[in-house]
Amino acid sequence: MAGKLGISFPLLSDVGLKTALAYGVAMDGDEIAVPATFIVTADKRIVYEKVGESVTDRPSVSDITEALDALR
């Protein structure tokens, strides 16, 4: 999939929702997660978190890039 999309970073899959459950973003009664974006540093600190309340509730690209810029 990464090759098809032309991206150079790894894509991960969360079969069984193990990660979604650990982050508290698995939807009750469904086998999917709510939209969630986390920025995690190399030392495993969560420095940005946006957990959506609906399928369309997602951070903007500028919100994410601002959070990344703040890490510099």
N, C-alpha and C. Protein backbone atom coordinates (compact mmCIF):
# COMPACT_ATOMS: atom_id res chain seq x y z
N MET A 1 0.82 -1.19 0.00
CA MET A 1 0.00 0.00 0.00
C MET A 1 0.86 1.26 0.00
N ALA A 2 1.95 1.26 0.79
CA ALA A 2 2.83 2.43 0.84
C ALA A 2 3.40 2.72 -0.55
N GLY A 3 3.81 1.67 -1.27
CA GLY A 3 4.33 1.85 -2.62
C GLY A 3 3.29 2.41 -3.56
N LYS A 4 2.07 1.91 -3.45
CA LYS A 4 0.97 2.38 -4.29
C LYS A 4 0.68 3.86 -4.05
N LEU A 5 0.79 4.28 -2.80
CA LEU A 5 0.53 5.67 -2.45
C LEU A 5 1.76 6.56 -2.62
N GLY A 6 2.92 5.95 -2.82
CA GLY A 6 4.15 6.71 -3.01
C GLY A 6 4.65 7.36 -1.73
N ILE A 7 4.46 6.70 -0.60
CA ILE A 7 4.94 7.26 0.67
C ILE A 7 6.13 6.46 1.17
N SER A 8 6.97 7.11 1.97
CA SER A 8 8.20 6.46 2.41
C SER A 8 8.17 6.03 3.87
N PHE A 9 7.06 6.23 4.55
CA PHE A 9 6.98 5.84 5.95
C PHE A 9 6.14 4.57 6.07
N PRO A 10 6.36 3.79 7.14
CA PRO A 10 5.62 2.54 7.27
C PRO A 10 4.16 2.77 7.62
N LEU A 11 3.31 1.91 7.10
CA LEU A 11 1.90 1.89 7.45
C LEU A 11 1.67 0.71 8.37
N LEU A 12 0.91 0.90 9.39
CA LEU A 12 0.67 -0.16 10.36
C LEU A 12 -0.80 -0.54 10.38
N SER A 13 -1.09 -1.78 10.71
CA SER A 13 -2.45 -2.26 10.83
C SER A 13 -2.68 -2.72 12.26
N ASP A 14 -3.87 -2.51 12.77
CA ASP A 14 -4.17 -2.85 14.16
C ASP A 14 -5.20 -3.97 14.22
N VAL A 15 -4.81 -5.13 13.72
CA VAL A 15 -5.69 -6.30 13.73
C VAL A 15 -6.03 -6.65 15.18
N GLY A 16 -7.31 -6.79 15.47
CA GLY A 16 -7.74 -7.10 16.82
C GLY A 16 -7.86 -5.90 17.74
N LEU A 17 -7.57 -4.70 17.22
CA LEU A 17 -7.70 -3.44 17.96
C LEU A 17 -6.86 -3.36 19.23
N LYS A 18 -5.78 -4.11 19.31
CA LYS A 18 -4.93 -4.10 20.51
C LYS A 18 -4.43 -2.68 20.81
N THR A 19 -3.94 -1.99 19.80
CA THR A 19 -3.42 -0.64 20.01
C THR A 19 -4.55 0.34 20.29
N ALA A 20 -5.64 0.24 19.54
CA ALA A 20 -6.78 1.14 19.77
C ALA A 20 -7.32 0.99 21.19
N LEU A 21 -7.37 -0.23 21.68
CA LEU A 21 -7.82 -0.44 23.06
C LEU A 21 -6.83 0.17 24.05
N ALA A 22 -5.54 0.02 23.80
CA ALA A 22 -4.52 0.57 24.70
C ALA A 22 -4.57 2.09 24.74
N TYR A 23 -4.90 2.72 23.62
CA TYR A 23 -4.99 4.17 23.55
C TYR A 23 -6.38 4.69 23.89
N GLY A 24 -7.31 3.78 24.12
CA GLY A 24 -8.66 4.18 24.50
C GLY A 24 -9.50 4.76 23.37
N VAL A 25 -9.24 4.31 22.14
CA VAL A 25 -9.97 4.86 21.00
C VAL A 25 -10.79 3.83 20.23
N ALA A 26 -10.95 2.63 20.79
CA ALA A 26 -11.79 1.62 20.15
C ALA A 26 -13.26 1.98 20.39
N MET A 27 -14.06 1.87 19.34
CA MET A 27 -15.48 2.18 19.47
C MET A 27 -16.19 1.04 20.19
N ASP A 28 -17.02 1.37 21.16
CA ASP A 28 -17.79 0.36 21.88
C ASP A 28 -18.71 -0.38 20.93
N GLY A 29 -18.66 -1.70 20.98
CA GLY A 29 -19.56 -2.51 20.19
C GLY A 29 -19.17 -2.70 18.74
N ASP A 30 -18.15 -2.02 18.28
CA ASP A 30 -17.69 -2.15 16.89
C ASP A 30 -16.24 -2.58 16.88
N GLU A 31 -15.84 -3.16 15.78
CA GLU A 31 -14.44 -3.57 15.66
C GLU A 31 -13.64 -2.54 14.88
N ILE A 32 -13.85 -1.27 15.21
CA ILE A 32 -13.10 -0.17 14.59
C ILE A 32 -12.74 0.84 15.67
N ALA A 33 -11.87 1.74 15.32
CA ALA A 33 -11.48 2.80 16.25
C ALA A 33 -12.09 4.12 15.79
N VAL A 34 -12.29 5.04 16.73
CA VAL A 34 -12.70 6.39 16.35
C VAL A 34 -11.49 7.05 15.69
N PRO A 35 -11.71 8.07 14.87
CA PRO A 35 -10.57 8.76 14.28
C PRO A 35 -9.70 9.35 15.40
N ALA A 36 -8.42 9.05 15.36
CA ALA A 36 -7.52 9.54 16.39
C ALA A 36 -6.15 9.78 15.77
N THR A 37 -5.53 10.87 16.19
CA THR A 37 -4.19 11.21 15.73
C THR A 37 -3.33 11.44 16.96
N PHE A 38 -2.18 10.77 16.99
CA PHE A 38 -1.23 10.93 18.08
C PHE A 38 0.13 11.23 17.47
N ILE A 39 0.87 12.14 18.08
CA ILE A 39 2.27 12.32 17.74
C ILE A 39 3.04 11.81 18.95
N VAL A 40 3.88 10.81 18.69
CA VAL A 40 4.63 10.15 19.76
C VAL A 40 6.12 10.35 19.47
N THR A 41 6.85 10.82 20.46
CA THR A 41 8.28 11.07 20.28
C THR A 41 9.07 9.76 20.33
N ALA A 42 10.32 9.83 19.96
CA ALA A 42 11.19 8.65 19.98
C ALA A 42 11.30 8.06 21.38
N ASP A 43 11.16 8.91 22.41
CA ASP A 43 11.23 8.39 23.78
C ASP A 43 9.83 8.03 24.32
N LYS A 44 8.88 7.85 23.39
CA LYS A 44 7.54 7.32 23.66
C LYS A 44 6.63 8.25 24.45
N ARG A 45 6.86 9.57 24.35
CA ARG A 45 5.96 10.54 24.97
C ARG A 45 4.92 10.97 23.95
N ILE A 46 3.67 11.02 24.37
CA ILE A 46 2.62 11.55 23.50
C ILE A 46 2.65 13.06 23.64
N VAL A 47 2.96 13.76 22.54
CA VAL A 47 3.07 15.22 22.60
C VAL A 47 1.92 15.91 21.87
N TYR A 48 1.10 15.14 21.20
CA TYR A 48 -0.09 15.69 20.54
C TYR A 48 -1.12 14.58 20.49
N GLU A 49 -2.36 14.95 20.77
CA GLU A 49 -3.44 13.97 20.76
C GLU A 49 -4.73 14.65 20.33
N LYS A 50 -5.38 14.05 19.35
CA LYS A 50 -6.71 14.50 18.93
C LYS A 50 -7.55 13.25 18.72
N VAL A 51 -8.54 13.06 19.57
CA VAL A 51 -9.45 11.92 19.47
C VAL A 51 -10.79 12.47 19.01
N GLY A 52 -11.24 12.03 17.86
CA GLY A 52 -12.48 12.53 17.29
C GLY A 52 -13.71 11.97 18.00
N GLU A 53 -14.77 12.73 17.91
CA GLU A 53 -16.04 12.29 18.49
C GLU A 53 -16.96 11.69 17.44
N SER A 54 -16.57 11.81 16.17
CA SER A 54 -17.33 11.22 15.07
C SER A 54 -16.35 10.88 13.95
N VAL A 55 -16.85 10.22 12.93
CA VAL A 55 -15.99 9.81 11.82
C VAL A 55 -15.36 11.02 11.12
N THR A 56 -16.05 12.13 11.11
CA THR A 56 -15.53 13.31 10.42
C THR A 56 -14.72 14.26 11.31
N ASP A 57 -14.65 13.98 12.59
CA ASP A 57 -13.94 14.85 13.53
C ASP A 57 -12.45 14.49 13.55
N ARG A 58 -11.70 15.19 12.71
CA ARG A 58 -10.27 14.93 12.55
C ARG A 58 -9.51 16.25 12.61
N PRO A 59 -8.24 16.21 13.03
CA PRO A 59 -7.47 17.45 13.06
C PRO A 59 -7.16 17.92 11.64
N SER A 60 -6.95 19.22 11.51
CA SER A 60 -6.56 19.75 10.20
C SER A 60 -5.07 19.48 9.99
N VAL A 61 -4.66 19.56 8.75
CA VAL A 61 -3.24 19.41 8.44
C VAL A 61 -2.44 20.48 9.16
N SER A 62 -2.96 21.70 9.22
CA SER A 62 -2.23 22.77 9.89
C SER A 62 -2.10 22.51 11.39
N ASP A 63 -3.11 21.91 12.02
CA ASP A 63 -3.01 21.55 13.43
C ASP A 63 -1.85 20.58 13.65
N ILE A 64 -1.74 19.61 12.78
CA ILE A 64 -0.70 18.60 12.92
C ILE A 64 0.68 19.20 12.63
N THR A 65 0.79 19.98 11.57
CA THR A 65 2.09 20.56 11.25
C THR A 65 2.54 21.55 12.32
N GLU A 66 1.60 22.29 12.92
CA GLU A 66 1.96 23.19 14.02
C GLU A 66 2.50 22.39 15.21
N ALA A 67 1.86 21.28 15.51
CA ALA A 67 2.33 20.42 16.62
C ALA A 67 3.72 19.87 16.32
N LEU A 68 3.95 19.48 15.08
CA LEU A 68 5.28 18.98 14.70
C LEU A 68 6.33 20.08 14.74
N ASP A 69 5.96 21.26 14.25
CA ASP A 69 6.89 22.40 14.29
C ASP A 69 7.29 22.75 15.71
N ALA A 70 6.36 22.60 16.66
CA ALA A 70 6.63 22.93 18.06
C ALA A 70 7.68 22.00 18.67
N LEU A 71 7.88 20.85 18.05
CA LEU A 71 8.87 19.90 18.56
C LEU A 71 10.30 20.30 18.18
N ARG A 72 10.45 21.16 17.24
CA ARG A 72 11.78 21.57 16.78
C ARG A 72 12.45 22.49 17.74
